[in-house]
Amino acid sequence: MDAKQLYDKMLDFKQYAIVLLAVGVFFYLGTIIPSETKVMTDIYIATGASVSFLAGSVSFFSISNKLRNQLIETEEGQELLMKK
């Protein structure tokens, strides 16, 4: 795989991770903001969704970091990282 494709994948995974992080934070805020009409089942579902989105975010950030390390190992990859 060439460096340009690795660079594009790295950016894509980082963007996916940021989106999942934002969604996970919104679900978490939904569990901690007090409301009178909340049912415990809704809180458990929101907590589970928050944890799963945050876990997905962490995994996508780690994949992005692995791709970045692969880019650092090549000369062309280092040039791409320095330009942008």
N, C-alpha and C. Protein backbone atom coordinates (compact mmCIF):
# COMPACT_ATOMS: atom_id res chain seq x y z
N MET A 1 0.86 -1.18 0.00
CA MET A 1 0.00 0.00 0.00
C MET A 1 0.90 1.24 0.00
N ASP A 2 0.58 2.19 -0.83
CA ASP A 2 1.44 3.36 -0.89
C ASP A 2 1.11 4.35 0.23
N ALA A 3 2.01 5.30 0.39
CA ALA A 3 1.93 6.22 1.52
C ALA A 3 0.69 7.11 1.45
N LYS A 4 0.30 7.50 0.25
CA LYS A 4 -0.88 8.38 0.11
C LYS A 4 -2.14 7.67 0.60
N GLN A 5 -2.30 6.38 0.27
CA GLN A 5 -3.46 5.63 0.74
C GLN A 5 -3.44 5.47 2.25
N LEU A 6 -2.25 5.19 2.81
CA LEU A 6 -2.14 5.07 4.27
C LEU A 6 -2.49 6.40 4.94
N TYR A 7 -2.03 7.49 4.35
CA TYR A 7 -2.31 8.80 4.91
C TYR A 7 -3.82 9.09 4.89
N ASP A 8 -4.45 8.78 3.75
CA ASP A 8 -5.89 9.00 3.65
C ASP A 8 -6.67 8.14 4.64
N LYS A 9 -6.25 6.88 4.81
CA LYS A 9 -6.92 6.01 5.78
C LYS A 9 -6.72 6.52 7.20
N MET A 10 -5.52 7.01 7.50
CA MET A 10 -5.24 7.55 8.83
C MET A 10 -6.19 8.71 9.13
N LEU A 11 -6.34 9.61 8.17
CA LEU A 11 -7.24 10.75 8.37
C LEU A 11 -8.69 10.30 8.52
N ASP A 12 -9.11 9.33 7.70
CA ASP A 12 -10.48 8.83 7.79
C ASP A 12 -10.76 8.22 9.16
N PHE A 13 -9.85 7.38 9.64
CA PHE A 13 -10.06 6.76 10.95
C PHE A 13 -10.07 7.79 12.06
N LYS A 14 -9.25 8.81 11.93
CA LYS A 14 -9.25 9.86 12.95
C LYS A 14 -10.57 10.63 12.94
N GLN A 15 -11.12 10.89 11.76
CA GLN A 15 -12.40 11.58 11.67
C GLN A 15 -13.53 10.71 12.21
N TYR A 16 -13.50 9.40 11.90
CA TYR A 16 -14.51 8.50 12.46
C TYR A 16 -14.45 8.50 13.98
N ALA A 17 -13.24 8.49 14.51
CA ALA A 17 -13.06 8.46 15.96
C ALA A 17 -13.60 9.74 16.60
N ILE A 18 -13.39 10.87 15.97
CA ILE A 18 -13.88 12.14 16.52
C ILE A 18 -15.40 12.16 16.51
N VAL A 19 -16.01 11.66 15.45
CA VAL A 19 -17.48 11.62 15.37
C VAL A 19 -18.03 10.69 16.45
N LEU A 20 -17.44 9.51 16.59
CA LEU A 20 -17.91 8.58 17.62
C LEU A 20 -17.72 9.15 19.02
N LEU A 21 -16.64 9.88 19.23
CA LEU A 21 -16.41 10.52 20.52
C LEU A 21 -17.49 11.54 20.83
N ALA A 22 -17.85 12.34 19.83
CA ALA A 22 -18.90 13.35 20.03
C ALA A 22 -20.24 12.70 20.33
N VAL A 23 -20.59 11.65 19.60
CA VAL A 23 -21.87 10.97 19.84
C VAL A 23 -21.88 10.31 21.22
N GLY A 24 -20.76 9.70 21.59
CA GLY A 24 -20.66 9.08 22.92
C GLY A 24 -20.81 10.09 24.04
N VAL A 25 -20.24 11.27 23.85
CA VAL A 25 -20.36 12.33 24.87
C VAL A 25 -21.81 12.79 24.98
N PHE A 26 -22.51 12.90 23.86
CA PHE A 26 -23.92 13.31 23.92
C PHE A 26 -24.77 12.27 24.66
N PHE A 27 -24.51 10.98 24.40
CA PHE A 27 -25.23 9.95 25.14
C PHE A 27 -24.90 10.02 26.63
N TYR A 28 -23.63 10.28 26.95
CA TYR A 28 -23.24 10.38 28.36
C TYR A 28 -23.93 11.58 29.02
N LEU A 29 -23.98 12.70 28.33
CA LEU A 29 -24.67 13.87 28.88
C LEU A 29 -26.14 13.57 29.10
N GLY A 30 -26.73 12.75 28.23
CA GLY A 30 -28.12 12.37 28.40
C GLY A 30 -28.36 11.55 29.66
N THR A 31 -27.34 10.85 30.12
CA THR A 31 -27.51 10.06 31.34
C THR A 31 -27.31 10.89 32.60
N ILE A 32 -26.50 11.95 32.53
CA ILE A 32 -26.21 12.69 33.76
C ILE A 32 -27.09 13.92 33.95
N ILE A 33 -27.74 14.39 32.89
CA ILE A 33 -28.63 15.54 33.04
C ILE A 33 -29.92 15.07 33.68
N PRO A 34 -30.31 15.69 34.79
CA PRO A 34 -31.50 15.21 35.50
C PRO A 34 -32.79 15.48 34.71
N SER A 35 -33.70 14.51 34.81
CA SER A 35 -35.00 14.64 34.16
C SER A 35 -36.01 13.85 34.98
N GLU A 36 -37.23 14.34 35.02
CA GLU A 36 -38.25 13.67 35.83
C GLU A 36 -38.86 12.46 35.14
N THR A 37 -38.80 12.42 33.84
CA THR A 37 -39.49 11.36 33.10
C THR A 37 -38.57 10.19 32.74
N LYS A 38 -37.39 10.13 33.30
CA LYS A 38 -36.46 9.06 32.95
C LYS A 38 -36.87 7.75 33.62
N VAL A 39 -36.74 6.70 32.86
CA VAL A 39 -36.94 5.34 33.36
C VAL A 39 -35.56 4.71 33.45
N MET A 40 -35.34 3.84 34.39
CA MET A 40 -34.02 3.24 34.58
C MET A 40 -33.55 2.50 33.33
N THR A 41 -34.48 1.90 32.61
CA THR A 41 -34.10 1.19 31.39
C THR A 41 -33.50 2.16 30.37
N ASP A 42 -34.08 3.35 30.25
CA ASP A 42 -33.55 4.35 29.32
C ASP A 42 -32.14 4.78 29.73
N ILE A 43 -31.91 4.91 31.01
CA ILE A 43 -30.58 5.29 31.50
C ILE A 43 -29.58 4.19 31.18
N TYR A 44 -29.96 2.93 31.37
CA TYR A 44 -29.05 1.82 31.07
C TYR A 44 -28.75 1.75 29.58
N ILE A 45 -29.74 1.97 28.75
CA ILE A 45 -29.53 1.95 27.29
C ILE A 45 -28.60 3.09 26.88
N ALA A 46 -28.82 4.29 27.41
CA ALA A 46 -27.97 5.42 27.08
C ALA A 46 -26.53 5.21 27.58
N THR A 47 -26.39 4.62 28.76
CA THR A 47 -25.06 4.33 29.28
C THR A 47 -24.35 3.31 28.41
N GLY A 48 -25.06 2.26 28.02
CA GLY A 48 -24.47 1.24 27.15
C GLY A 48 -24.07 1.82 25.80
N ALA A 49 -24.93 2.67 25.24
CA ALA A 49 -24.61 3.31 23.97
C ALA A 49 -23.39 4.22 24.12
N SER A 50 -23.34 4.95 25.21
CA SER A 50 -22.20 5.83 25.45
C SER A 50 -20.91 5.04 25.54
N VAL A 51 -20.93 3.96 26.30
CA VAL A 51 -19.72 3.14 26.46
C VAL A 51 -19.31 2.53 25.12
N SER A 52 -20.27 2.04 24.34
CA SER A 52 -19.91 1.42 23.07
C SER A 52 -19.37 2.44 22.07
N PHE A 53 -19.96 3.62 22.01
CA PHE A 53 -19.44 4.65 21.11
C PHE A 53 -18.05 5.11 21.54
N LEU A 54 -17.83 5.25 22.84
CA LEU A 54 -16.51 5.66 23.31
C LEU A 54 -15.47 4.57 23.08
N ALA A 55 -15.86 3.30 23.23
CA ALA A 55 -14.93 2.20 22.95
C ALA A 55 -14.58 2.17 21.46
N GLY A 56 -15.58 2.40 20.60
CA GLY A 56 -15.31 2.47 19.17
C GLY A 56 -14.38 3.62 18.84
N SER A 57 -14.57 4.73 19.51
CA SER A 57 -13.71 5.89 19.30
C SER A 57 -12.27 5.58 19.67
N VAL A 58 -12.07 4.93 20.80
CA VAL A 58 -10.72 4.56 21.23
C VAL A 58 -10.09 3.61 20.23
N SER A 59 -10.86 2.64 19.73
CA SER A 59 -10.29 1.69 18.78
C SER A 59 -9.92 2.38 17.47
N PHE A 60 -10.75 3.31 16.99
CA PHE A 60 -10.42 4.02 15.76
C PHE A 60 -9.22 4.94 15.95
N PHE A 61 -9.09 5.57 17.12
CA PHE A 61 -7.89 6.37 17.39
C PHE A 61 -6.64 5.50 17.40
N SER A 62 -6.72 4.29 17.95
CA SER A 62 -5.55 3.41 17.97
C SER A 62 -5.20 2.93 16.57
N ILE A 63 -6.20 2.64 15.72
CA ILE A 63 -5.93 2.25 14.34
C ILE A 63 -5.26 3.41 13.60
N SER A 64 -5.76 4.62 13.81
CA SER A 64 -5.17 5.80 13.18
C SER A 64 -3.72 5.98 13.62
N ASN A 65 -3.45 5.73 14.88
CA ASN A 65 -2.10 5.86 15.41
C ASN A 65 -1.17 4.80 14.80
N LYS A 66 -1.66 3.57 14.62
CA LYS A 66 -0.86 2.52 13.99
C LYS A 66 -0.52 2.89 12.55
N LEU A 67 -1.51 3.43 11.83
CA LEU A 67 -1.25 3.85 10.46
C LEU A 67 -0.25 5.00 10.41
N ARG A 68 -0.33 5.90 11.38
CA ARG A 68 0.63 7.00 11.45
C ARG A 68 2.04 6.48 11.70
N ASN A 69 2.16 5.48 12.57
CA ASN A 69 3.48 4.88 12.82
C ASN A 69 4.03 4.20 11.58
N GLN A 70 3.15 3.57 10.79
CA GLN A 70 3.60 2.97 9.53
C GLN A 70 4.09 4.05 8.57
N LEU A 71 3.42 5.18 8.56
CA LEU A 71 3.84 6.28 7.70
C LEU A 71 5.19 6.84 8.13
N ILE A 72 5.42 6.90 9.42
CA ILE A 72 6.67 7.45 9.93
C ILE A 72 7.85 6.57 9.49
N GLU A 73 7.61 5.28 9.31
CA GLU A 73 8.69 4.36 8.93
C GLU A 73 9.15 4.54 7.49
N THR A 74 8.33 5.19 6.65
CA THR A 74 8.72 5.38 5.25
C THR A 74 9.09 6.84 5.00
N GLU A 75 9.95 7.05 4.01
CA GLU A 75 10.35 8.41 3.67
C GLU A 75 9.20 9.21 3.08
N GLU A 76 8.48 8.56 2.17
CA GLU A 76 7.34 9.25 1.53
C GLU A 76 6.27 9.59 2.57
N GLY A 77 6.06 8.70 3.52
CA GLY A 77 5.09 8.96 4.58
C GLY A 77 5.49 10.12 5.45
N GLN A 78 6.78 10.21 5.76
CA GLN A 78 7.26 11.33 6.56
C GLN A 78 7.05 12.65 5.83
N GLU A 79 7.26 12.64 4.51
CA GLU A 79 7.03 13.86 3.74
C GLU A 79 5.57 14.28 3.76
N LEU A 80 4.66 13.28 3.65
CA LEU A 80 3.23 13.59 3.70
C LEU A 80 2.84 14.17 5.05
N LEU A 81 3.38 13.60 6.12
CA LEU A 81 3.05 14.09 7.46
C LEU A 81 3.59 15.48 7.70
N MET A 82 4.72 15.80 7.11
CA MET A 82 5.33 17.12 7.31
C MET A 82 4.60 18.19 6.51
N LYS A 83 4.08 17.83 5.33
CA LYS A 83 3.40 18.81 4.48
C LYS A 83 2.09 19.26 5.10
N LYS A 84 1.32 18.33 5.60
CA LYS A 84 -0.05 18.64 5.98
C LYS A 84 -0.24 18.71 7.44
